[in-house]
Amino acid sequence: MHFGDEIRSREELAAFVRGLQQEYARRGQEWENASLERFLGALAAWIDDADGVYRNFGKDLPPGGDWTFFARSLQAATVYE
């Protein structure tokens, strides 16, 4: 996925996350943030800085993102089997 690509459905989001999981299984040791602690820290930092990142790519941060769904998804992954 590239910065300009869009996820248009819950199913596409799930497929994207599965792709990240597969990529981690193949090359996780090469990731900058290969531990869960570092990954979550980088995720929080990126979310904080997202408006600037979007601006750097000539885009606007989507105003209507479902932040609650994303937060609930992350929280649920701590206990979901």
C-alpha atoms as a PDB file:
ATOM      1  CA  MET A   1       0.000   0.000   0.000  1.00  0.00           C
ATOM      2  CA  HIS A   2       1.208   3.484  -0.833  1.00  0.00           C
ATOM      3  CA  PHE A   3       0.336   6.739   0.897  1.00  0.00           C
ATOM      4  CA  GLY A   4      -2.260   7.727  -1.704  1.00  0.00           C
ATOM      5  CA  ASP A   5      -4.091   4.400  -1.580  1.00  0.00           C
ATOM      6  CA  GLU A   6      -7.416   4.275   0.216  1.00  0.00           C
ATOM      7  CA  ILE A   7      -9.075   1.588   2.294  1.00  0.00           C
ATOM      8  CA  ARG A   8     -12.769   1.721   1.451  1.00  0.00           C
ATOM      9  CA  SER A   9     -14.284  -0.975   3.645  1.00  0.00           C
ATOM     10  CA  ARG A  10     -13.884  -2.915   6.855  1.00  0.00           C
ATOM     11  CA  GLU A  11     -12.992  -5.971   4.764  1.00  0.00           C
ATOM     12  CA  GLU A  12     -10.214  -4.084   2.977  1.00  0.00           C
ATOM     13  CA  LEU A  13      -8.884  -2.887   6.327  1.00  0.00           C
ATOM     14  CA  ALA A  14      -8.859  -6.462   7.671  1.00  0.00           C
ATOM     15  CA  ALA A  15      -7.061  -7.663   4.524  1.00  0.00           C
ATOM     16  CA  PHE A  16      -4.521  -4.849   4.872  1.00  0.00           C
ATOM     17  CA  VAL A  17      -3.809  -5.768   8.509  1.00  0.00           C
ATOM     18  CA  ARG A  18      -3.430  -9.437   7.513  1.00  0.00           C
ATOM     19  CA  GLY A  19      -0.946  -8.331   4.880  1.00  0.00           C
ATOM     20  CA  LEU A  20       1.059  -6.492   7.537  1.00  0.00           C
ATOM     21  CA  GLN A  21       0.987  -9.627   9.681  1.00  0.00           C
ATOM     22  CA  GLN A  22       2.304 -11.717   6.776  1.00  0.00           C
ATOM     23  CA  GLU A  23       4.980  -9.129   6.016  1.00  0.00           C
ATOM     24  CA  TYR A  24       6.039  -9.167   9.668  1.00  0.00           C
ATOM     25  CA  ALA A  25       6.267 -12.976   9.590  1.00  0.00           C
ATOM     26  CA  ARG A  26       8.538 -12.746   6.536  1.00  0.00           C
ATOM     27  CA  ARG A  27      10.648  -9.708   7.360  1.00  0.00           C
ATOM     28  CA  GLY A  28       9.709  -8.413  10.814  1.00  0.00           C
ATOM     29  CA  GLN A  29      13.313  -8.372  11.969  1.00  0.00           C
ATOM     30  CA  GLU A  30      13.935  -5.680   9.330  1.00  0.00           C
ATOM     31  CA  TRP A  31      11.145  -3.365  10.566  1.00  0.00           C
ATOM     32  CA  GLU A  32      12.219  -0.184  12.297  1.00  0.00           C
ATOM     33  CA  ASN A  33       9.669  -0.937  15.042  1.00  0.00           C
ATOM     34  CA  ALA A  34       9.818  -4.720  15.319  1.00  0.00           C
ATOM     35  CA  SER A  35       8.648  -5.033  18.935  1.00  0.00           C
ATOM     36  CA  LEU A  36       5.060  -4.397  19.969  1.00  0.00           C
ATOM     37  CA  GLU A  37       6.216  -1.682  22.367  1.00  0.00           C
ATOM     38  CA  ARG A  38       8.071   0.219  19.642  1.00  0.00           C
ATOM     39  CA  PHE A  39       5.301  -0.388  17.094  1.00  0.00           C
ATOM     40  CA  LEU A  40       2.595   1.048  19.374  1.00  0.00           C
ATOM     41  CA  GLY A  41       4.829   3.997  20.278  1.00  0.00           C
ATOM     42  CA  ALA A  42       5.450   4.735  16.601  1.00  0.00           C
ATOM     43  CA  LEU A  43       1.734   4.362  15.868  1.00  0.00           C
ATOM     44  CA  ALA A  44       0.852   6.925  18.552  1.00  0.00           C
ATOM     45  CA  ALA A  45       3.545   9.314  17.303  1.00  0.00           C
ATOM     46  CA  TRP A  46       2.355   8.974  13.708  1.00  0.00           C
ATOM     47  CA  ILE A  47      -1.256   9.631  14.731  1.00  0.00           C
ATOM     48  CA  ASP A  48      -0.099  12.758  16.607  1.00  0.00           C
ATOM     49  CA  ASP A  49       1.826  13.981  13.541  1.00  0.00           C
ATOM     50  CA  ALA A  50      -0.605  12.768  10.849  1.00  0.00           C
ATOM     51  CA  ASP A  51      -1.785  16.227   9.800  1.00  0.00           C
ATOM     52  CA  GLY A  52       1.794  17.217   8.936  1.00  0.00           C
ATOM     53  CA  VAL A  53       2.470  13.931   7.188  1.00  0.00           C
ATOM     54  CA  TYR A  54      -0.638  14.364   5.053  1.00  0.00           C
ATOM     55  CA  ARG A  55       0.353  17.956   4.266  1.00  0.00           C
ATOM     56  CA  ASN A  56       3.801  16.766   3.142  1.00  0.00           C
ATOM     57  CA  PHE A  57       2.074  14.523   0.595  1.00  0.00           C
ATOM     58  CA  GLY A  58      -0.233  17.318  -0.571  1.00  0.00           C
ATOM     59  CA  LYS A  59      -3.301  15.781   1.061  1.00  0.00           C
ATOM     60  CA  ASP A  60      -5.750  16.770   3.781  1.00  0.00           C
ATOM     61  CA  LEU A  61      -6.211  14.614   6.857  1.00  0.00           C
ATOM     62  CA  PRO A  62      -9.637  12.978   6.463  1.00  0.00           C
ATOM     63  CA  PRO A  63     -11.946  14.837   8.867  1.00  0.00           C
ATOM     64  CA  GLY A  64     -14.512  12.064   9.231  1.00  0.00           C
ATOM     65  CA  GLY A  65     -12.336   9.135  10.251  1.00  0.00           C
ATOM     66  CA  ASP A  66     -13.973   6.706  12.635  1.00  0.00           C
ATOM     67  CA  TRP A  67     -11.400   7.060  15.380  1.00  0.00           C
ATOM     68  CA  THR A  68     -13.561   5.163  17.882  1.00  0.00           C
ATOM     69  CA  PHE A  69     -13.750   2.103  15.617  1.00  0.00           C
ATOM     70  CA  PHE A  70      -9.982   2.107  15.201  1.00  0.00           C
ATOM     71  CA  ALA A  71      -9.407   2.501  18.952  1.00  0.00           C
ATOM     72  CA  ARG A  72     -11.885  -0.277  19.766  1.00  0.00           C
ATOM     73  CA  SER A  73     -10.208  -2.530  17.200  1.00  0.00           C
ATOM     74  CA  LEU A  74      -6.806  -2.005  18.787  1.00  0.00           C
ATOM     75  CA  GLN A  75      -8.176  -2.562  22.281  1.00  0.00           C
ATOM     76  CA  ALA A  76     -10.090  -5.685  21.249  1.00  0.00           C
ATOM     77  CA  ALA A  77      -6.920  -7.199  19.775  1.00  0.00           C
ATOM     78  CA  THR A  78      -5.457  -7.373  23.276  1.00  0.00           C
ATOM     79  CA  VAL A  79      -7.966 -10.107  24.220  1.00  0.00           C
ATOM     80  CA  TYR A  80      -9.636 -11.374  21.017  1.00  0.00           C
ATOM     81  CA  GLU A  81      -8.675 -14.877  19.868  1.00  0.00           C
END
